[in-house]
């Protein structure tokens, strides 16, 4: 059994705190509003480059945005 990683994020909270709409953040980081929406809902994991760009735009570290939780895979 291989452990699996669950990735959660605080993007929605940090984006709102910074005063950005999804569209504004998407324009800053070079992706679509739909991508930001999917990432916020944990339906998409961003590339390392996109994660970095989001962190820079929100003026926080990647560690402040993303939380990684190991979970045990079930058979």
PDB file of N, CA and C in Angstrom:
ATOM      1  N   UNK A   1       0.835  -1.178   0.000  1.00  0.00           N
ATOM      2  CA  UNK A   1       0.000   0.000   0.000  1.00  0.00           C
ATOM      3  C   UNK A   1       0.884   1.246   0.000  1.00  0.00           C
ATOM      4  N   UNK A   2       0.684   2.126  -0.965  1.00  0.00           N
ATOM      5  CA  UNK A   2       1.417   3.380  -1.014  1.00  0.00           C
ATOM      6  C   UNK A   2       0.593   4.457  -0.329  1.00  0.00           C
ATOM      7  N   UNK A   3       1.239   5.297   0.500  1.00  0.00           N
ATOM      8  CA  UNK A   3       0.489   6.411   1.083  1.00  0.00           C
ATOM      9  C   UNK A   3       0.142   7.436   0.012  1.00  0.00           C
ATOM     10  N   UNK A   4      -0.968   8.085   0.174  1.00  0.00           N
ATOM     11  CA  UNK A   4      -1.428   9.112  -0.751  1.00  0.00           C
ATOM     12  C   UNK A   4      -1.367  10.452  -0.028  1.00  0.00           C
ATOM     13  N   UNK A   5      -1.215  11.503  -0.799  1.00  0.00           N
ATOM     14  CA  UNK A   5      -1.151  12.842  -0.219  1.00  0.00           C
ATOM     15  C   UNK A   5      -2.425  13.600  -0.572  1.00  0.00           C
ATOM     16  N   UNK A   6      -3.025  14.210   0.424  1.00  0.00           N
ATOM     17  CA  UNK A   6      -4.173  15.084   0.248  1.00  0.00           C
ATOM     18  C   UNK A   6      -3.649  16.512   0.284  1.00  0.00           C
ATOM     19  N   UNK A   7      -3.982  17.308  -0.717  1.00  0.00           N
ATOM     20  CA  UNK A   7      -3.516  18.690  -0.787  1.00  0.00           C
ATOM     21  C   UNK A   7      -4.708  19.611  -0.560  1.00  0.00           C
ATOM     22  N   UNK A   8      -4.618  20.442   0.456  1.00  0.00           N
ATOM     23  CA  UNK A   8      -5.632  21.460   0.720  1.00  0.00           C
ATOM     24  C   UNK A   8      -4.983  22.822   0.545  1.00  0.00           C
ATOM     25  N   UNK A   9      -5.792  23.859   0.399  1.00  0.00           N
ATOM     26  CA  UNK A   9      -5.214  25.189   0.228  1.00  0.00           C
ATOM     27  C   UNK A   9      -6.071  26.274   0.866  1.00  0.00           C
ATOM     28  N   UNK A  10      -5.431  27.428   1.061  1.00  0.00           N
ATOM     29  CA  UNK A  10      -6.082  28.618   1.629  1.00  0.00           C
ATOM     30  C   UNK A  10      -6.229  29.717   0.583  1.00  0.00           C
ATOM     31  N   UNK A  11      -6.210  29.373  -0.686  1.00  0.00           N
ATOM     32  CA  UNK A  11      -6.189  30.404  -1.717  1.00  0.00           C
ATOM     33  C   UNK A  11      -7.410  31.316  -1.635  1.00  0.00           C
ATOM     34  N   UNK A  12      -8.579  30.757  -1.475  1.00  0.00           N
ATOM     35  CA  UNK A  12      -9.794  31.587  -1.448  1.00  0.00           C
ATOM     36  C   UNK A  12      -9.715  32.621  -0.321  1.00  0.00           C
ATOM     37  N   UNK A  13      -9.328  32.184   0.866  1.00  0.00           N
ATOM     38  CA  UNK A  13      -9.207  33.089   2.011  1.00  0.00           C
ATOM     39  C   UNK A  13      -8.146  34.163   1.745  1.00  0.00           C
ATOM     40  N   UNK A  14      -6.951  33.737   1.292  1.00  0.00           N
ATOM     41  CA  UNK A  14      -5.856  34.681   1.069  1.00  0.00           C
ATOM     42  C   UNK A  14      -6.158  35.631  -0.089  1.00  0.00           C
ATOM     43  N   UNK A  15      -6.835  35.135  -1.110  1.00  0.00           N
ATOM     44  CA  UNK A  15      -7.220  35.984  -2.241  1.00  0.00           C
ATOM     45  C   UNK A  15      -8.191  37.064  -1.782  1.00  0.00           C
ATOM     46  N   UNK A  16      -9.197  36.672  -1.007  1.00  0.00           N
ATOM     47  CA  UNK A  16     -10.179  37.640  -0.502  1.00  0.00           C
ATOM     48  C   UNK A  16      -9.501  38.651   0.424  1.00  0.00           C
ATOM     49  N   UNK A  17      -8.599  38.171   1.260  1.00  0.00           N
ATOM     50  CA  UNK A  17      -7.866  39.049   2.182  1.00  0.00           C
ATOM     51  C   UNK A  17      -7.043  40.083   1.408  1.00  0.00           C
ATOM     52  N   UNK A  18      -6.490  39.673   0.258  1.00  0.00           N
ATOM     53  CA  UNK A  18      -5.702  40.576  -0.577  1.00  0.00           C
ATOM     54  C   UNK A  18      -6.584  41.489  -1.434  1.00  0.00           C
ATOM     55  N   UNK A  19      -7.891  41.209  -1.469  1.00  0.00           N
ATOM     56  CA  UNK A  19      -8.821  42.047  -2.216  1.00  0.00           C
ATOM     57  C   UNK A  19      -8.909  41.739  -3.696  1.00  0.00           C
ATOM     58  N   UNK A  20      -8.527  40.507  -4.099  1.00  0.00           N
ATOM     59  CA  UNK A  20      -8.578  40.109  -5.507  1.00  0.00           C
ATOM     60  C   UNK A  20      -9.797  39.249  -5.785  1.00  0.00           C
ATOM     61  N   UNK A  21     -10.382  39.449  -6.951  1.00  0.00           N
ATOM     62  CA  UNK A  21     -11.390  38.515  -7.436  1.00  0.00           C
ATOM     63  C   UNK A  21     -10.652  37.332  -8.058  1.00  0.00           C
ATOM     64  N   UNK A  22     -11.379  36.272  -8.364  1.00  0.00           N
ATOM     65  CA  UNK A  22     -10.743  35.141  -9.048  1.00  0.00           C
ATOM     66  C   UNK A  22     -10.154  35.590 -10.380  1.00  0.00           C
ATOM     67  N   UNK A  23     -10.887  36.411 -11.094  1.00  0.00           N
ATOM     68  CA  UNK A  23     -10.429  36.897 -12.400  1.00  0.00           C
ATOM     69  C   UNK A  23      -9.156  37.725 -12.254  1.00  0.00           C
ATOM     70  N   UNK A  24      -9.104  38.608 -11.266  1.00  0.00           N
ATOM     71  CA  UNK A  24      -7.920  39.446 -11.068  1.00  0.00           C
ATOM     72  C   UNK A  24      -6.694  38.605 -10.725  1.00  0.00           C
ATOM     73  N   UNK A  25      -6.868  37.618  -9.845  1.00  0.00           N
ATOM     74  CA  UNK A  25      -5.743  36.755  -9.496  1.00  0.00           C
ATOM     75  C   UNK A  25      -5.307  35.943 -10.712  1.00  0.00           C
ATOM     76  N   UNK A  26      -6.258  35.442 -11.466  1.00  0.00           N
ATOM     77  CA  UNK A  26      -5.939  34.665 -12.662  1.00  0.00           C
ATOM     78  C   UNK A  26      -5.116  35.500 -13.643  1.00  0.00           C
ATOM     79  N   UNK A  27      -5.501  36.746 -13.842  1.00  0.00           N
ATOM     80  CA  UNK A  27      -4.754  37.625 -14.750  1.00  0.00           C
ATOM     81  C   UNK A  27      -3.338  37.868 -14.246  1.00  0.00           C
ATOM     82  N   UNK A  28      -3.175  38.024 -12.928  1.00  0.00           N
ATOM     83  CA  UNK A  28      -1.854  38.258 -12.348  1.00  0.00           C
ATOM     84  C   UNK A  28      -0.931  37.050 -12.523  1.00  0.00           C
ATOM     85  N   UNK A  29      -1.490  35.853 -12.433  1.00  0.00           N
ATOM     86  CA  UNK A  29      -0.649  34.650 -12.454  1.00  0.00           C
ATOM     87  C   UNK A  29      -0.610  33.967 -13.818  1.00  0.00           C
ATOM     88  N   UNK A  30      -1.408  34.448 -14.766  1.00  0.00           N
ATOM     89  CA  UNK A  30      -1.362  33.911 -16.115  1.00  0.00           C
ATOM     90  C   UNK A  30      -2.132  32.624 -16.332  1.00  0.00           C
ATOM     91  N   UNK A  31      -3.294  32.527 -15.720  1.00  0.00           N
ATOM     92  CA  UNK A  31      -4.154  31.361 -15.961  1.00  0.00           C
ATOM     93  C   UNK A  31      -5.591  31.843 -16.073  1.00  0.00           C
ATOM     94  N   UNK A  32      -6.520  30.926 -16.243  1.00  0.00           N
ATOM     95  CA  UNK A  32      -7.933  31.294 -16.368  1.00  0.00           C
ATOM     96  C   UNK A  32      -8.593  31.405 -14.995  1.00  0.00           C
ATOM     97  N   UNK A  33      -9.707  32.138 -14.955  1.00  0.00           N
ATOM     98  CA  UNK A  33     -10.497  32.234 -13.727  1.00  0.00           C
ATOM     99  C   UNK A  33     -10.991  30.852 -13.327  1.00  0.00           C
ATOM    100  N   UNK A  34     -11.330  30.039 -14.316  1.00  0.00           N
ATOM    101  CA  UNK A  34     -11.812  28.687 -14.044  1.00  0.00           C
ATOM    102  C   UNK A  34     -10.739  27.846 -13.354  1.00  0.00           C
ATOM    103  N   UNK A  35      -9.486  28.043 -13.728  1.00  0.00           N
ATOM    104  CA  UNK A  35      -8.390  27.311 -13.066  1.00  0.00           C
ATOM    105  C   UNK A  35      -8.288  27.709 -11.602  1.00  0.00           C
ATOM    106  N   UNK A  36      -8.374  29.012 -11.330  1.00  0.00           N
ATOM    107  CA  UNK A  36      -8.329  29.473  -9.932  1.00  0.00           C
ATOM    108  C   UNK A  36      -9.492  28.862  -9.164  1.00  0.00           C
ATOM    109  N   UNK A  37     -10.666  28.850  -9.757  1.00  0.00           N
ATOM    110  CA  UNK A  37     -11.841  28.269  -9.106  1.00  0.00           C
ATOM    111  C   UNK A  37     -11.619  26.786  -8.803  1.00  0.00           C
ATOM    112  N   UNK A  38     -11.087  26.041  -9.766  1.00  0.00           N
ATOM    113  CA  UNK A  38     -10.835  24.616  -9.560  1.00  0.00           C
ATOM    114  C   UNK A  38      -9.793  24.382  -8.472  1.00  0.00           C
ATOM    115  N   UNK A  39      -8.755  25.195  -8.452  1.00  0.00           N
ATOM    116  CA  UNK A  39      -7.716  25.057  -7.423  1.00  0.00           C
ATOM    117  C   UNK A  39      -8.312  25.345  -6.040  1.00  0.00           C
ATOM    118  N   UNK A  40      -9.096  26.420  -5.937  1.00  0.00           N
ATOM    119  CA  UNK A  40      -9.714  26.772  -4.654  1.00  0.00           C
ATOM    120  C   UNK A  40     -10.613  25.654  -4.132  1.00  0.00           C
ATOM    121  N   UNK A  41     -11.271  24.942  -5.026  1.00  0.00           N
ATOM    122  CA  UNK A  41     -12.184  23.862  -4.629  1.00  0.00           C
ATOM    123  C   UNK A  41     -11.482  22.508  -4.518  1.00  0.00           C
ATOM    124  N   UNK A  42     -10.143  22.521  -4.629  1.00  0.00           N
ATOM    125  CA  UNK A  42      -9.344  21.289  -4.574  1.00  0.00           C
ATOM    126  C   UNK A  42      -9.706  20.303  -5.679  1.00  0.00           C
ATOM    127  N   UNK A  43     -10.162  20.823  -6.819  1.00  0.00           N
ATOM    128  CA  UNK A  43     -10.451  19.979  -7.974  1.00  0.00           C
ATOM    129  C   UNK A  43      -9.277  19.949  -8.950  1.00  0.00           C
ATOM    130  N   UNK A  44      -8.241  20.736  -8.651  1.00  0.00           N
ATOM    131  CA  UNK A  44      -7.065  20.807  -9.509  1.00  0.00           C
ATOM    132  C   UNK A  44      -5.866  21.158  -8.636  1.00  0.00           C
ATOM    133  N   UNK A  45      -4.754  20.508  -8.886  1.00  0.00           N
ATOM    134  CA  UNK A  45      -3.509  20.843  -8.194  1.00  0.00           C
ATOM    135  C   UNK A  45      -2.666  21.645  -9.181  1.00  0.00           C
ATOM    136  N   UNK A  46      -2.257  22.862  -8.806  1.00  0.00           N
ATOM    137  CA  UNK A  46      -1.500  23.686  -9.747  1.00  0.00           C
ATOM    138  C   UNK A  46      -0.081  23.164  -9.952  1.00  0.00           C
ATOM    139  N   UNK A  47       0.496  23.537 -11.082  1.00  0.00           N
ATOM    140  CA  UNK A  47       1.909  23.234 -11.315  1.00  0.00           C
ATOM    141  C   UNK A  47       2.745  23.990 -10.281  1.00  0.00           C
ATOM    142  N   UNK A  48       3.986  23.598 -10.152  1.00  0.00           N
ATOM    143  CA  UNK A  48       4.882  24.291  -9.216  1.00  0.00           C
ATOM    144  C   UNK A  48       5.017  25.755  -9.611  1.00  0.00           C
ATOM    145  N   UNK A  49       5.133  26.005 -10.894  1.00  0.00           N
ATOM    146  CA  UNK A  49       5.264  27.390 -11.374  1.00  0.00           C
ATOM    147  C   UNK A  49       4.028  28.213 -11.038  1.00  0.00           C
ATOM    148  N   UNK A  50       2.845  27.657 -11.277  1.00  0.00           N
ATOM    149  CA  UNK A  50       1.609  28.381 -10.979  1.00  0.00           C
ATOM    150  C   UNK A  50       1.462  28.586  -9.475  1.00  0.00           C
ATOM    151  N   UNK A  51       1.785  27.581  -8.676  1.00  0.00           N
ATOM    152  CA  UNK A  51       1.722  27.718  -7.212  1.00  0.00           C
ATOM    153  C   UNK A  51       2.638  28.843  -6.749  1.00  0.00           C
ATOM    154  N   UNK A  52       3.832  28.900  -7.319  1.00  0.00           N
ATOM    155  CA  UNK A  52       4.782  29.967  -6.968  1.00  0.00           C
ATOM    156  C   UNK A  52       4.217  31.333  -7.361  1.00  0.00           C
ATOM    157  N   UNK A  53       3.666  31.437  -8.565  1.00  0.00           N
ATOM    158  CA  UNK A  53       3.105  32.712  -9.021  1.00  0.00           C
ATOM    159  C   UNK A  53       1.933  33.163  -8.150  1.00  0.00           C
ATOM    160  N   UNK A  54       1.122  32.224  -7.715  1.00  0.00           N
ATOM    161  CA  UNK A  54       0.011  32.552  -6.816  1.00  0.00           C
ATOM    162  C   UNK A  54       0.565  33.086  -5.500  1.00  0.00           C
ATOM    163  N   UNK A  55       1.550  32.413  -4.945  1.00  0.00           N
ATOM    164  CA  UNK A  55       2.152  32.852  -3.674  1.00  0.00           C
ATOM    165  C   UNK A  55       2.749  34.249  -3.805  1.00  0.00           C
ATOM    166  N   UNK A  56       3.475  34.493  -4.879  1.00  0.00           N
ATOM    167  CA  UNK A  56       4.080  35.811  -5.090  1.00  0.00           C
ATOM    168  C   UNK A  56       2.999  36.878  -5.206  1.00  0.00           C
ATOM    169  N   UNK A  57       1.954  36.604  -5.968  1.00  0.00           N
ATOM    170  CA  UNK A  57       0.873  37.571  -6.153  1.00  0.00           C
ATOM    171  C   UNK A  57       0.139  37.870  -4.858  1.00  0.00           C
ATOM    172  N   UNK A  58       0.010  36.851  -3.994  1.00  0.00           N
ATOM    173  CA  UNK A  58      -0.683  37.039  -2.714  1.00  0.00           C
ATOM    174  C   UNK A  58       0.266  37.486  -1.599  1.00  0.00           C
ATOM    175  N   UNK A  59       1.575  37.570  -1.938  1.00  0.00           N
ATOM    176  CA  UNK A  59       2.617  37.994  -0.992  1.00  0.00           C
ATOM    177  C   UNK A  59       2.690  37.110   0.247  1.00  0.00           C
ATOM    178  N   UNK A  60       2.643  35.810  -0.011  1.00  0.00           N
ATOM    179  CA  UNK A  60       2.790  34.812   1.052  1.00  0.00           C
ATOM    180  C   UNK A  60       3.697  33.703   0.524  1.00  0.00           C
ATOM    181  N   UNK A  61       4.113  32.823   1.408  1.00  0.00           N
ATOM    182  CA  UNK A  61       4.921  31.678   0.971  1.00  0.00           C
ATOM    183  C   UNK A  61       3.997  30.563   0.478  1.00  0.00           C
ATOM    184  N   UNK A  62       4.561  29.658  -0.306  1.00  0.00           N
ATOM    185  CA  UNK A  62       3.795  28.504  -0.768  1.00  0.00           C
ATOM    186  C   UNK A  62       3.286  27.688   0.415  1.00  0.00           C
ATOM    187  N   UNK A  63       4.094  27.635   1.472  1.00  0.00           N
ATOM    188  CA  UNK A  63       3.710  26.857   2.661  1.00  0.00           C
ATOM    189  C   UNK A  63       2.490  27.448   3.363  1.00  0.00           C
ATOM    190  N   UNK A  64       2.279  28.767   3.211  1.00  0.00           N
ATOM    191  CA  UNK A  64       1.098  29.400   3.804  1.00  0.00           C
ATOM    192  C   UNK A  64      -0.169  29.099   3.006  1.00  0.00           C
ATOM    193  N   UNK A  65       0.001  28.704   1.750  1.00  0.00           N
ATOM    194  CA  UNK A  65      -1.148  28.427   0.893  1.00  0.00           C
ATOM    195  C   UNK A  65      -1.536  26.959   0.927  1.00  0.00           C
ATOM    196  N   UNK A  66      -0.538  26.084   0.757  1.00  0.00           N
ATOM    197  CA  UNK A  66      -0.820  24.663   0.574  1.00  0.00           C
ATOM    198  C   UNK A  66      -0.480  23.840   1.805  1.00  0.00           C
ATOM    199  N   UNK A  67      -1.391  22.937   2.173  1.00  0.00           N
ATOM    200  CA  UNK A  67      -1.190  22.014   3.279  1.00  0.00           C
ATOM    201  C   UNK A  67      -1.233  20.602   2.721  1.00  0.00           C
ATOM    202  N   UNK A  68      -0.249  19.809   3.078  1.00  0.00           N
ATOM    203  CA  UNK A  68      -0.151  18.436   2.583  1.00  0.00           C
ATOM    204  C   UNK A  68      -0.414  17.477   3.736  1.00  0.00           C
ATOM    205  N   UNK A  69      -1.378  16.597   3.547  1.00  0.00           N
ATOM    206  CA  UNK A  69      -1.728  15.605   4.564  1.00  0.00           C
ATOM    207  C   UNK A  69      -1.561  14.207   3.995  1.00  0.00           C
ATOM    208  N   UNK A  70      -0.685  13.404   4.588  1.00  0.00           N
ATOM    209  CA  UNK A  70      -0.595  12.015   4.124  1.00  0.00           C
ATOM    210  C   UNK A  70      -1.839  11.246   4.563  1.00  0.00           C
ATOM    211  N   UNK A  71      -2.387  10.469   3.665  1.00  0.00           N
ATOM    212  CA  UNK A  71      -3.509   9.596   4.014  1.00  0.00           C
ATOM    213  C   UNK A  71      -3.181   8.202   3.562  1.00  0.00           C
ATOM    214  N   UNK A  72      -3.649   7.227   4.279  1.00  0.00           N
ATOM    215  CA  UNK A  72      -3.393   5.827   3.951  1.00  0.00           C
ATOM    216  C   UNK A  72      -4.346   5.374   2.853  1.00  0.00           C
ATOM    217  N   UNK A  73      -3.790   4.829   1.812  1.00  0.00           N
ATOM    218  CA  UNK A  73      -4.625   4.270   0.739  1.00  0.00           C
ATOM    219  C   UNK A  73      -5.298   3.001   1.240  1.00  0.00           C
ATOM    220  N   UNK A  74      -6.508   2.810   0.794  1.00  0.00           N
ATOM    221  CA  UNK A  74      -7.239   1.601   1.178  1.00  0.00           C
ATOM    222  C   UNK A  74      -7.325   0.671  -0.020  1.00  0.00           C
ATOM    223  N   UNK A  75      -7.299  -0.602   0.234  1.00  0.00           N
ATOM    224  CA  UNK A  75      -7.416  -1.590  -0.850  1.00  0.00           C
ATOM    225  C   UNK A  75      -8.814  -2.107  -0.954  1.00  0.00           C
TER     226      UNK A  75
END
